[in-house]
Amino acid sequence: MPGWIRDVAAFNPVNWSLEAARAALLARPDWTGLAVHGGWLLALAALMVWLSTYSFRAYQKST
């Protein structure tokens, strides 16, 4: 694939989940790759939960 698409895919959470799934389904699982991609997904999910809670509370205070 072209370099610019590879760069975009490196920051795509869907690609992170696919890489984690592929790492888990290998005959000899790549636990390091699974932990790295899974960790990034977990961190992103925690950030989104915090952001949505913050936004919802801000909205409630404004009404």
PDB file of N, CA and C in Angstrom:
ATOM      1  N   MET A   1       0.848  -1.173   0.000  1.00  0.00           N
ATOM      2  CA  MET A   1       0.000   0.000   0.000  1.00  0.00           C
ATOM      3  C   MET A   1       0.896   1.240   0.000  1.00  0.00           C
ATOM      4  N   PRO A   2       0.403   2.338  -0.541  1.00  0.00           N
ATOM      5  CA  PRO A   2       1.200   3.571  -0.537  1.00  0.00           C
ATOM      6  C   PRO A   2       1.514   4.028   0.887  1.00  0.00           C
ATOM      7  N   GLY A   3       2.605   4.738   1.028  1.00  0.00           N
ATOM      8  CA  GLY A   3       3.063   5.176   2.336  1.00  0.00           C
ATOM      9  C   GLY A   3       2.069   6.043   3.080  1.00  0.00           C
ATOM     10  N   TRP A   4       1.354   6.927   2.365  1.00  0.00           N
ATOM     11  CA  TRP A   4       0.419   7.818   3.055  1.00  0.00           C
ATOM     12  C   TRP A   4      -0.773   7.049   3.622  1.00  0.00           C
ATOM     13  N   ILE A   5      -1.202   5.990   2.934  1.00  0.00           N
ATOM     14  CA  ILE A   5      -2.294   5.177   3.461  1.00  0.00           C
ATOM     15  C   ILE A   5      -1.820   4.402   4.680  1.00  0.00           C
ATOM     16  N   ARG A   6      -0.589   3.923   4.665  1.00  0.00           N
ATOM     17  CA  ARG A   6      -0.021   3.221   5.819  1.00  0.00           C
ATOM     18  C   ARG A   6       0.045   4.155   7.026  1.00  0.00           C
ATOM     19  N   ASP A   7       0.393   5.419   6.790  1.00  0.00           N
ATOM     20  CA  ASP A   7       0.449   6.400   7.880  1.00  0.00           C
ATOM     21  C   ASP A   7      -0.936   6.676   8.457  1.00  0.00           C
ATOM     22  N   VAL A   8      -1.949   6.783   7.607  1.00  0.00           N
ATOM     23  CA  VAL A   8      -3.313   7.002   8.078  1.00  0.00           C
ATOM     24  C   VAL A   8      -3.804   5.785   8.851  1.00  0.00           C
ATOM     25  N   ALA A   9      -3.517   4.597   8.351  1.00  0.00           N
ATOM     26  CA  ALA A   9      -3.964   3.365   9.014  1.00  0.00           C
ATOM     27  C   ALA A   9      -3.316   3.190  10.378  1.00  0.00           C
ATOM     28  N   ALA A  10      -2.121   3.723  10.565  1.00  0.00           N
ATOM     29  CA  ALA A  10      -1.432   3.591  11.853  1.00  0.00           C
ATOM     30  C   ALA A  10      -2.191   4.309  12.968  1.00  0.00           C
ATOM     31  N   PHE A  11      -3.010   5.297  12.638  1.00  0.00           N
ATOM     32  CA  PHE A  11      -3.767   6.060  13.634  1.00  0.00           C
ATOM     33  C   PHE A  11      -5.262   5.774  13.590  1.00  0.00           C
ATOM     34  N   ASN A  12      -5.657   4.681  12.944  1.00  0.00           N
ATOM     35  CA  ASN A  12      -7.057   4.324  12.799  1.00  0.00           C
ATOM     36  C   ASN A  12      -7.426   3.252  13.827  1.00  0.00           C
ATOM     37  N   PRO A  13      -8.352   3.535  14.759  1.00  0.00           N
ATOM     38  CA  PRO A  13      -8.718   2.540  15.766  1.00  0.00           C
ATOM     39  C   PRO A  13      -9.290   1.236  15.196  1.00  0.00           C
ATOM     40  N   VAL A  14      -9.928   1.301  14.039  1.00  0.00           N
ATOM     41  CA  VAL A  14     -10.435   0.080  13.418  1.00  0.00           C
ATOM     42  C   VAL A  14      -9.258  -0.814  13.039  1.00  0.00           C
ATOM     43  N   ASN A  15      -8.205  -0.217  12.518  1.00  0.00           N
ATOM     44  CA  ASN A  15      -7.005  -0.980  12.179  1.00  0.00           C
ATOM     45  C   ASN A  15      -6.368  -1.560  13.434  1.00  0.00           C
ATOM     46  N   TRP A  16      -6.382  -0.814  14.546  1.00  0.00           N
ATOM     47  CA  TRP A  16      -5.828  -1.324  15.812  1.00  0.00           C
ATOM     48  C   TRP A  16      -6.565  -2.579  16.232  1.00  0.00           C
ATOM     49  N   SER A  17      -7.899  -2.569  16.134  1.00  0.00           N
ATOM     50  CA  SER A  17      -8.670  -3.745  16.555  1.00  0.00           C
ATOM     51  C   SER A  17      -8.417  -4.930  15.619  1.00  0.00           C
ATOM     52  N   LEU A  18      -8.266  -4.670  14.333  1.00  0.00           N
ATOM     53  CA  LEU A  18      -7.960  -5.752  13.402  1.00  0.00           C
ATOM     54  C   LEU A  18      -6.582  -6.345  13.676  1.00  0.00           C
ATOM     55  N   GLU A  19      -5.617  -5.491  13.954  1.00  0.00           N
ATOM     56  CA  GLU A  19      -4.272  -5.980  14.270  1.00  0.00           C
ATOM     57  C   GLU A  19      -4.279  -6.799  15.561  1.00  0.00           C
ATOM     58  N   ALA A  20      -5.037  -6.370  16.559  1.00  0.00           N
ATOM     59  CA  ALA A  20      -5.133  -7.126  17.811  1.00  0.00           C
ATOM     60  C   ALA A  20      -5.803  -8.476  17.565  1.00  0.00           C
ATOM     61  N   ALA A  21      -6.854  -8.495  16.768  1.00  0.00           N
ATOM     62  CA  ALA A  21      -7.537  -9.756  16.466  1.00  0.00           C
ATOM     63  C   ALA A  21      -6.623 -10.704  15.702  1.00  0.00           C
ATOM     64  N   ARG A  22      -5.905 -10.180  14.735  1.00  0.00           N
ATOM     65  CA  ARG A  22      -4.971 -11.020  13.976  1.00  0.00           C
ATOM     66  C   ARG A  22      -3.882 -11.581  14.885  1.00  0.00           C
ATOM     67  N   ALA A  23      -3.377 -10.761  15.790  1.00  0.00           N
ATOM     68  CA  ALA A  23      -2.333 -11.211  16.706  1.00  0.00           C
ATOM     69  C   ALA A  23      -2.846 -12.309  17.628  1.00  0.00           C
ATOM     70  N   ALA A  24      -4.124 -12.220  18.020  1.00  0.00           N
ATOM     71  CA  ALA A  24      -4.700 -13.219  18.928  1.00  0.00           C
ATOM     72  C   ALA A  24      -5.008 -14.530  18.214  1.00  0.00           C
ATOM     73  N   LEU A  25      -5.278 -14.475  16.926  1.00  0.00           N
ATOM     74  CA  LEU A  25      -5.703 -15.670  16.201  1.00  0.00           C
ATOM     75  C   LEU A  25      -4.572 -16.429  15.522  1.00  0.00           C
ATOM     76  N   LEU A  26      -3.352 -16.002  15.702  1.00  0.00           N
ATOM     77  CA  LEU A  26      -2.227 -16.723  15.121  1.00  0.00           C
ATOM     78  C   LEU A  26      -2.033 -18.064  15.827  1.00  0.00           C
ATOM     79  N   ALA A  27      -1.386 -19.001  15.143  1.00  0.00           N
ATOM     80  CA  ALA A  27      -1.097 -20.291  15.766  1.00  0.00           C
ATOM     81  C   ALA A  27      -0.239 -20.094  17.013  1.00  0.00           C
ATOM     82  N   ARG A  28       0.696 -19.169  16.936  1.00  0.00           N
ATOM     83  CA  ARG A  28       1.490 -18.768  18.102  1.00  0.00           C
ATOM     84  C   ARG A  28       1.192 -17.286  18.319  1.00  0.00           C
ATOM     85  N   PRO A  29       0.243 -16.972  19.195  1.00  0.00           N
ATOM     86  CA  PRO A  29      -0.199 -15.571  19.356  1.00  0.00           C
ATOM     87  C   PRO A  29       0.939 -14.614  19.692  1.00  0.00           C
ATOM     88  N   ASP A  30       0.864 -13.445  19.088  1.00  0.00           N
ATOM     89  CA  ASP A  30       1.815 -12.365  19.352  1.00  0.00           C
ATOM     90  C   ASP A  30       1.247 -11.533  20.498  1.00  0.00           C
ATOM     91  N   TRP A  31       1.589 -11.896  21.726  1.00  0.00           N
ATOM     92  CA  TRP A  31       1.010 -11.249  22.898  1.00  0.00           C
ATOM     93  C   TRP A  31       1.465  -9.803  23.020  1.00  0.00           C
ATOM     94  N   THR A  32       2.656  -9.488  22.558  1.00  0.00           N
ATOM     95  CA  THR A  32       3.130  -8.105  22.624  1.00  0.00           C
ATOM     96  C   THR A  32       2.287  -7.207  21.727  1.00  0.00           C
ATOM     97  N   GLY A  33       2.073  -7.639  20.494  1.00  0.00           N
ATOM     98  CA  GLY A  33       1.242  -6.868  19.570  1.00  0.00           C
ATOM     99  C   GLY A  33      -0.185  -6.738  20.061  1.00  0.00           C
ATOM    100  N   LEU A  34      -0.688  -7.819  20.633  1.00  0.00           N
ATOM    101  CA  LEU A  34      -2.045  -7.786  21.179  1.00  0.00           C
ATOM    102  C   LEU A  34      -2.137  -6.804  22.338  1.00  0.00           C
ATOM    103  N   ALA A  35      -1.158  -6.808  23.207  1.00  0.00           N
ATOM    104  CA  ALA A  35      -1.170  -5.902  24.361  1.00  0.00           C
ATOM    105  C   ALA A  35      -1.035  -4.439  23.923  1.00  0.00           C
ATOM    106  N   VAL A  36      -0.188  -4.181  22.954  1.00  0.00           N
ATOM    107  CA  VAL A  36       0.000  -2.798  22.482  1.00  0.00           C
ATOM    108  C   VAL A  36      -1.280  -2.268  21.843  1.00  0.00           C
ATOM    109  N   HIS A  37      -1.830  -3.009  20.903  1.00  0.00           N
ATOM    110  CA  HIS A  37      -3.043  -2.535  20.223  1.00  0.00           C
ATOM    111  C   HIS A  37      -4.236  -2.518  21.171  1.00  0.00           C
ATOM    112  N   GLY A  38      -4.345  -3.534  22.014  1.00  0.00           N
ATOM    113  CA  GLY A  38      -5.431  -3.549  22.992  1.00  0.00           C
ATOM    114  C   GLY A  38      -5.316  -2.418  23.988  1.00  0.00           C
ATOM    115  N   GLY A  39      -4.087  -2.093  24.389  1.00  0.00           N
ATOM    116  CA  GLY A  39      -3.875  -0.974  25.308  1.00  0.00           C
ATOM    117  C   GLY A  39      -4.276   0.358  24.699  1.00  0.00           C
ATOM    118  N   TRP A  40      -3.919   0.564  23.436  1.00  0.00           N
ATOM    119  CA  TRP A  40      -4.321   1.806  22.760  1.00  0.00           C
ATOM    120  C   TRP A  40      -5.841   1.895  22.641  1.00  0.00           C
ATOM    121  N   LEU A  41      -6.481   0.763  22.341  1.00  0.00           N
ATOM    122  CA  LEU A  41      -7.946   0.765  22.252  1.00  0.00           C
ATOM    123  C   LEU A  41      -8.578   1.050  23.605  1.00  0.00           C
ATOM    124  N   LEU A  42      -8.039   0.472  24.656  1.00  0.00           N
ATOM    125  CA  LEU A  42      -8.560   0.713  25.996  1.00  0.00           C
ATOM    126  C   LEU A  42      -8.373   2.177  26.401  1.00  0.00           C
ATOM    127  N   ALA A  43      -7.212   2.736  26.099  1.00  0.00           N
ATOM    128  CA  ALA A  43      -6.955   4.142  26.419  1.00  0.00           C
ATOM    129  C   ALA A  43      -7.900   5.063  25.646  1.00  0.00           C
ATOM    130  N   LEU A  44      -8.126   4.763  24.388  1.00  0.00           N
ATOM    131  CA  LEU A  44      -9.041   5.572  23.583  1.00  0.00           C
ATOM    132  C   LEU A  44     -10.472   5.466  24.104  1.00  0.00           C
ATOM    133  N   ALA A  45     -10.885   4.266  24.493  1.00  0.00           N
ATOM    134  CA  ALA A  45     -12.231   4.089  25.045  1.00  0.00           C
ATOM    135  C   ALA A  45     -12.388   4.869  26.346  1.00  0.00           C
ATOM    136  N   ALA A  46     -11.376   4.828  27.215  1.00  0.00           N
ATOM    137  CA  ALA A  46     -11.438   5.574  28.478  1.00  0.00           C
ATOM    138  C   ALA A  46     -11.508   7.078  28.213  1.00  0.00           C
ATOM    139  N   LEU A  47     -10.739   7.557  27.254  1.00  0.00           N
ATOM    140  CA  LEU A  47     -10.767   8.977  26.899  1.00  0.00           C
ATOM    141  C   LEU A  47     -12.143   9.382  26.381  1.00  0.00           C
ATOM    142  N   MET A  48     -12.753   8.539  25.546  1.00  0.00           N
ATOM    143  CA  MET A  48     -14.070   8.863  24.994  1.00  0.00           C
ATOM    144  C   MET A  48     -15.149   8.845  26.077  1.00  0.00           C
ATOM    145  N   VAL A  49     -15.054   7.932  27.047  1.00  0.00           N
ATOM    146  CA  VAL A  49     -16.010   7.914  28.150  1.00  0.00           C
ATOM    147  C   VAL A  49     -15.881   9.191  28.968  1.00  0.00           C
ATOM    148  N   TRP A  50     -14.647   9.589  29.266  1.00  0.00           N
ATOM    149  CA  TRP A  50     -14.429  10.820  30.023  1.00  0.00           C
ATOM    150  C   TRP A  50     -14.956  12.028  29.249  1.00  0.00           C
ATOM    151  N   LEU A  51     -14.651  12.106  27.966  1.00  0.00           N
ATOM    152  CA  LEU A  51     -15.086  13.236  27.147  1.00  0.00           C
ATOM    153  C   LEU A  51     -16.608  13.301  27.049  1.00  0.00           C
ATOM    154  N   SER A  52     -17.265  12.179  26.866  1.00  0.00           N
ATOM    155  CA  SER A  52     -18.729  12.200  26.767  1.00  0.00           C
ATOM    156  C   SER A  52     -19.370  12.572  28.102  1.00  0.00           C
ATOM    157  N   THR A  53     -18.809  12.091  29.206  1.00  0.00           N
ATOM    158  CA  THR A  53     -19.337  12.454  30.522  1.00  0.00           C
ATOM    159  C   THR A  53     -19.159  13.946  30.778  1.00  0.00           C
ATOM    160  N   TYR A  54     -17.996  14.474  30.468  1.00  0.00           N
ATOM    161  CA  TYR A  54     -17.715  15.896  30.626  1.00  0.00           C
ATOM    162  C   TYR A  54     -18.670  16.738  29.776  1.00  0.00           C
ATOM    163  N   SER A  55     -18.869  16.324  28.530  1.00  0.00           N
ATOM    164  CA  SER A  55     -19.750  17.070  27.629  1.00  0.00           C
ATOM    165  C   SER A  55     -21.190  17.042  28.106  1.00  0.00           C
ATOM    166  N   PHE A  56     -21.655  15.885  28.558  1.00  0.00           N
ATOM    167  CA  PHE A  56     -23.019  15.768  29.014  1.00  0.00           C
ATOM    168  C   PHE A  56     -23.252  16.605  30.263  1.00  0.00           C
ATOM    169  N   ARG A  57     -22.297  16.614  31.185  1.00  0.00           N
ATOM    170  CA  ARG A  57     -22.437  17.438  32.401  1.00  0.00           C
ATOM    171  C   ARG A  57     -22.420  18.926  32.053  1.00  0.00           C
ATOM    172  N   ALA A  58     -21.585  19.329  31.111  1.00  0.00           N
ATOM    173  CA  ALA A  58     -21.556  20.717  30.680  1.00  0.00           C
ATOM    174  C   ALA A  58     -22.882  21.116  30.053  1.00  0.00           C
ATOM    175  N   TYR A  59     -23.456  20.207  29.275  1.00  0.00           N
ATOM    176  CA  TYR A  59     -24.743  20.477  28.654  1.00  0.00           C
ATOM    177  C   TYR A  59     -25.838  20.600  29.711  1.00  0.00           C
ATOM    178  N   GLN A  60     -25.829  19.734  30.712  1.00  0.00           N
ATOM    179  CA  GLN A  60     -26.838  19.795  31.767  1.00  0.00           C
ATOM    180  C   GLN A  60     -26.743  21.111  32.549  1.00  0.00           C
ATOM    181  N   LYS A  61     -25.551  21.610  32.797  1.00  0.00           N
ATOM    182  CA  LYS A  61     -25.382  22.861  33.518  1.00  0.00           C
ATOM    183  C   LYS A  61     -25.861  24.060  32.699  1.00  0.00           C
ATOM    184  N   SER A  62     -25.805  23.949  31.381  1.00  0.00           N
ATOM    185  CA  SER A  62     -26.190  25.088  30.537  1.00  0.00           C
ATOM    186  C   SER A  62     -27.695  25.219  30.379  1.00  0.00           C
ATOM    187  N   THR A  63     -28.455  24.189  30.699  1.00  0.00           N
ATOM    188  CA  THR A  63     -29.909  24.284  30.521  1.00  0.00           C
ATOM    189  C   THR A  63     -30.607  24.588  31.819  1.00  0.00           C
TER     190      THR A  63
END
